[in-house]
Amino acid sequence: MLINENNILKIKNFTLANEFHLSAQKFINSEMEFFNHNLCMADNSAENEYGIKQTDNKIIRNIITLLKE
């Protein structure tokens, strides 16, 4: 189960935990100018290989705010 803004309070209340570990990732599109859609660069062709996942500071701040309420 991924921990996110929609379920953090439910998890907190159910587990009574006071520490949580999550990635809070968002997908960032690549700045590449040329895409060869006929060439797969990754092992899993279903995965979007023209971008990266990065921790989103806004998600982290929102979760911290939710937990402090």
N, C-alpha and C. Protein backbone atom coordinates (compact mmCIF):
# COMPACT_ATOMS: atom_id res chain seq x y z
N MET A 1 0.85 -1.18 0.00
CA MET A 1 0.00 0.00 0.00
C MET A 1 0.89 1.24 0.00
N LEU A 2 0.59 2.16 -0.88
CA LEU A 2 1.33 3.42 -0.91
C LEU A 2 0.68 4.41 0.05
N ILE A 3 1.49 5.07 0.81
CA ILE A 3 0.99 6.10 1.73
C ILE A 3 0.93 7.41 0.95
N ASN A 4 -0.24 8.08 1.03
CA ASN A 4 -0.40 9.35 0.33
C ASN A 4 -1.31 10.27 1.13
N GLU A 5 -1.60 11.42 0.56
CA GLU A 5 -2.44 12.43 1.23
C GLU A 5 -3.86 11.93 1.51
N ASN A 6 -4.32 10.99 0.70
CA ASN A 6 -5.70 10.51 0.83
C ASN A 6 -5.88 9.46 1.92
N ASN A 7 -4.78 8.80 2.32
CA ASN A 7 -4.94 7.73 3.30
C ASN A 7 -4.08 7.88 4.55
N ILE A 8 -3.26 8.92 4.65
CA ILE A 8 -2.33 9.06 5.78
C ILE A 8 -3.07 9.12 7.12
N LEU A 9 -4.16 9.85 7.20
CA LEU A 9 -4.88 9.97 8.48
C LEU A 9 -5.54 8.65 8.87
N LYS A 10 -6.08 7.94 7.90
CA LYS A 10 -6.69 6.64 8.18
C LYS A 10 -5.63 5.67 8.71
N ILE A 11 -4.47 5.67 8.09
CA ILE A 11 -3.37 4.80 8.53
C ILE A 11 -2.91 5.20 9.93
N LYS A 12 -2.77 6.49 10.15
CA LYS A 12 -2.34 6.99 11.46
C LYS A 12 -3.33 6.55 12.55
N ASN A 13 -4.61 6.76 12.30
CA ASN A 13 -5.62 6.42 13.30
C ASN A 13 -5.74 4.92 13.54
N PHE A 14 -5.55 4.13 12.51
CA PHE A 14 -5.68 2.68 12.64
C PHE A 14 -4.47 2.06 13.33
N THR A 15 -3.26 2.55 12.98
CA THR A 15 -2.03 1.94 13.50
C THR A 15 -1.50 2.62 14.75
N LEU A 16 -1.95 3.86 14.99
CA LEU A 16 -1.41 4.69 16.08
C LEU A 16 0.08 4.97 15.92
N ALA A 17 0.56 4.83 14.70
CA ALA A 17 1.98 5.11 14.40
C ALA A 17 2.23 6.61 14.46
N ASN A 18 3.46 6.98 14.77
CA ASN A 18 3.82 8.40 14.77
C ASN A 18 4.96 8.71 13.81
N GLU A 19 5.39 7.72 13.05
CA GLU A 19 6.39 7.91 12.01
C GLU A 19 5.91 7.21 10.74
N PHE A 20 6.14 7.85 9.60
CA PHE A 20 5.72 7.29 8.32
C PHE A 20 6.83 7.47 7.31
N HIS A 21 7.00 6.50 6.45
CA HIS A 21 8.01 6.56 5.41
C HIS A 21 7.31 6.46 4.06
N LEU A 22 7.54 7.43 3.22
CA LEU A 22 6.90 7.46 1.91
C LEU A 22 7.79 8.20 0.92
N SER A 23 7.53 7.98 -0.35
CA SER A 23 8.34 8.64 -1.38
C SER A 23 7.69 9.91 -1.88
N ALA A 24 6.36 10.00 -1.85
CA ALA A 24 5.62 11.19 -2.30
C ALA A 24 6.10 11.64 -3.68
N GLN A 25 6.11 10.71 -4.59
CA GLN A 25 6.67 11.00 -5.91
C GLN A 25 5.66 11.59 -6.88
N LYS A 26 6.22 12.36 -7.79
CA LYS A 26 5.46 12.85 -8.94
C LYS A 26 6.30 12.54 -10.18
N PHE A 27 5.63 12.46 -11.30
CA PHE A 27 6.31 12.18 -12.56
C PHE A 27 6.65 13.48 -13.26
N ILE A 28 7.89 13.62 -13.68
CA ILE A 28 8.33 14.81 -14.41
C ILE A 28 8.71 14.39 -15.82
N ASN A 29 8.07 15.00 -16.79
CA ASN A 29 8.37 14.69 -18.19
C ASN A 29 9.78 15.10 -18.55
N SER A 30 10.36 14.34 -19.44
CA SER A 30 11.70 14.61 -19.92
C SER A 30 11.74 15.92 -20.73
N GLU A 31 12.89 16.55 -20.73
CA GLU A 31 13.07 17.75 -21.55
C GLU A 31 13.70 17.41 -22.90
N MET A 32 13.75 16.11 -23.21
CA MET A 32 14.31 15.68 -24.50
C MET A 32 13.51 16.31 -25.63
N GLU A 33 14.19 16.63 -26.70
CA GLU A 33 13.53 17.24 -27.85
C GLU A 33 13.17 16.21 -28.92
N PHE A 34 13.85 15.09 -28.91
CA PHE A 34 13.58 14.05 -29.92
C PHE A 34 13.19 12.76 -29.20
N PHE A 35 12.11 12.17 -29.61
CA PHE A 35 11.65 10.90 -29.05
C PHE A 35 11.52 9.89 -30.18
N ASN A 36 12.19 8.76 -30.05
CA ASN A 36 12.01 7.67 -30.99
C ASN A 36 11.10 6.65 -30.32
N HIS A 37 9.82 6.69 -30.65
CA HIS A 37 8.84 5.81 -30.02
C HIS A 37 8.93 4.37 -30.53
N ASN A 38 9.77 4.13 -31.54
CA ASN A 38 9.99 2.78 -32.04
C ASN A 38 11.12 2.07 -31.30
N LEU A 39 11.80 2.76 -30.41
CA LEU A 39 12.93 2.22 -29.67
C LEU A 39 12.60 2.21 -28.19
N CYS A 40 12.72 1.04 -27.58
CA CYS A 40 12.46 0.92 -26.15
C CYS A 40 13.80 0.95 -25.40
N MET A 41 13.95 1.89 -24.48
CA MET A 41 15.20 2.03 -23.73
C MET A 41 15.16 1.30 -22.40
N ALA A 42 14.00 0.81 -21.98
CA ALA A 42 13.86 0.18 -20.68
C ALA A 42 13.46 -1.28 -20.84
N ASP A 43 13.59 -2.05 -19.77
CA ASP A 43 13.19 -3.45 -19.78
C ASP A 43 11.68 -3.60 -19.92
N ASN A 44 10.94 -2.67 -19.32
CA ASN A 44 9.49 -2.73 -19.33
C ASN A 44 8.95 -1.65 -20.26
N SER A 45 8.50 -2.03 -21.42
CA SER A 45 8.05 -1.04 -22.40
C SER A 45 6.77 -0.32 -21.97
N ALA A 46 6.05 -0.87 -20.96
CA ALA A 46 4.83 -0.21 -20.47
C ALA A 46 5.18 1.00 -19.60
N GLU A 47 6.37 1.01 -19.06
CA GLU A 47 6.81 2.12 -18.20
C GLU A 47 7.13 3.33 -19.08
N ASN A 48 6.73 4.52 -18.63
CA ASN A 48 7.05 5.73 -19.38
C ASN A 48 8.52 6.03 -19.17
N GLU A 49 9.31 5.88 -20.21
CA GLU A 49 10.75 6.07 -20.09
C GLU A 49 11.19 7.48 -20.48
N TYR A 50 10.24 8.33 -20.76
CA TYR A 50 10.58 9.70 -21.15
C TYR A 50 10.33 10.66 -19.99
N GLY A 51 10.81 10.30 -18.84
CA GLY A 51 10.67 11.15 -17.67
C GLY A 51 11.23 10.46 -16.44
N ILE A 52 11.13 11.13 -15.32
CA ILE A 52 11.64 10.58 -14.06
C ILE A 52 10.61 10.80 -12.95
N LYS A 53 10.73 10.00 -11.91
CA LYS A 53 9.94 10.20 -10.71
C LYS A 53 10.79 10.95 -9.70
N GLN A 54 10.19 11.93 -9.05
CA GLN A 54 10.93 12.77 -8.11
C GLN A 54 10.02 13.09 -6.93
N THR A 55 10.61 13.17 -5.74
CA THR A 55 9.84 13.53 -4.56
C THR A 55 9.25 14.92 -4.72
N ASP A 56 7.96 15.04 -4.41
CA ASP A 56 7.25 16.31 -4.54
C ASP A 56 7.16 16.97 -3.16
N ASN A 57 7.84 18.08 -3.00
CA ASN A 57 7.87 18.80 -1.72
C ASN A 57 6.48 19.24 -1.28
N LYS A 58 5.61 19.56 -2.22
CA LYS A 58 4.24 19.98 -1.87
C LYS A 58 3.48 18.84 -1.20
N ILE A 59 3.65 17.63 -1.71
CA ILE A 59 2.98 16.48 -1.10
C ILE A 59 3.49 16.27 0.32
N ILE A 60 4.79 16.36 0.51
CA ILE A 60 5.38 16.20 1.84
C ILE A 60 4.83 17.25 2.79
N ARG A 61 4.80 18.51 2.36
CA ARG A 61 4.27 19.59 3.21
C ARG A 61 2.80 19.36 3.55
N ASN A 62 2.01 18.93 2.57
CA ASN A 62 0.59 18.67 2.82
C ASN A 62 0.40 17.55 3.84
N ILE A 63 1.20 16.51 3.73
CA ILE A 63 1.08 15.39 4.67
C ILE A 63 1.50 15.83 6.07
N ILE A 64 2.55 16.59 6.19
CA ILE A 64 2.98 17.10 7.49
C ILE A 64 1.87 17.95 8.11
N THR A 65 1.26 18.81 7.30
CA THR A 65 0.15 19.65 7.78
C THR A 65 -1.01 18.78 8.25
N LEU A 66 -1.37 17.76 7.50
CA LEU A 66 -2.45 16.86 7.90
C LEU A 66 -2.16 16.17 9.22
N LEU A 67 -0.93 15.75 9.40
CA LEU A 67 -0.56 15.03 10.62
C LEU A 67 -0.50 15.94 11.85
N LYS A 68 -0.27 17.23 11.64
CA LYS A 68 -0.20 18.16 12.76
C LYS A 68 -1.58 18.61 13.24
N GLU A 69 -2.60 18.41 12.42
CA GLU A 69 -3.96 18.85 12.78
C GLU A 69 -4.54 18.00 13.87
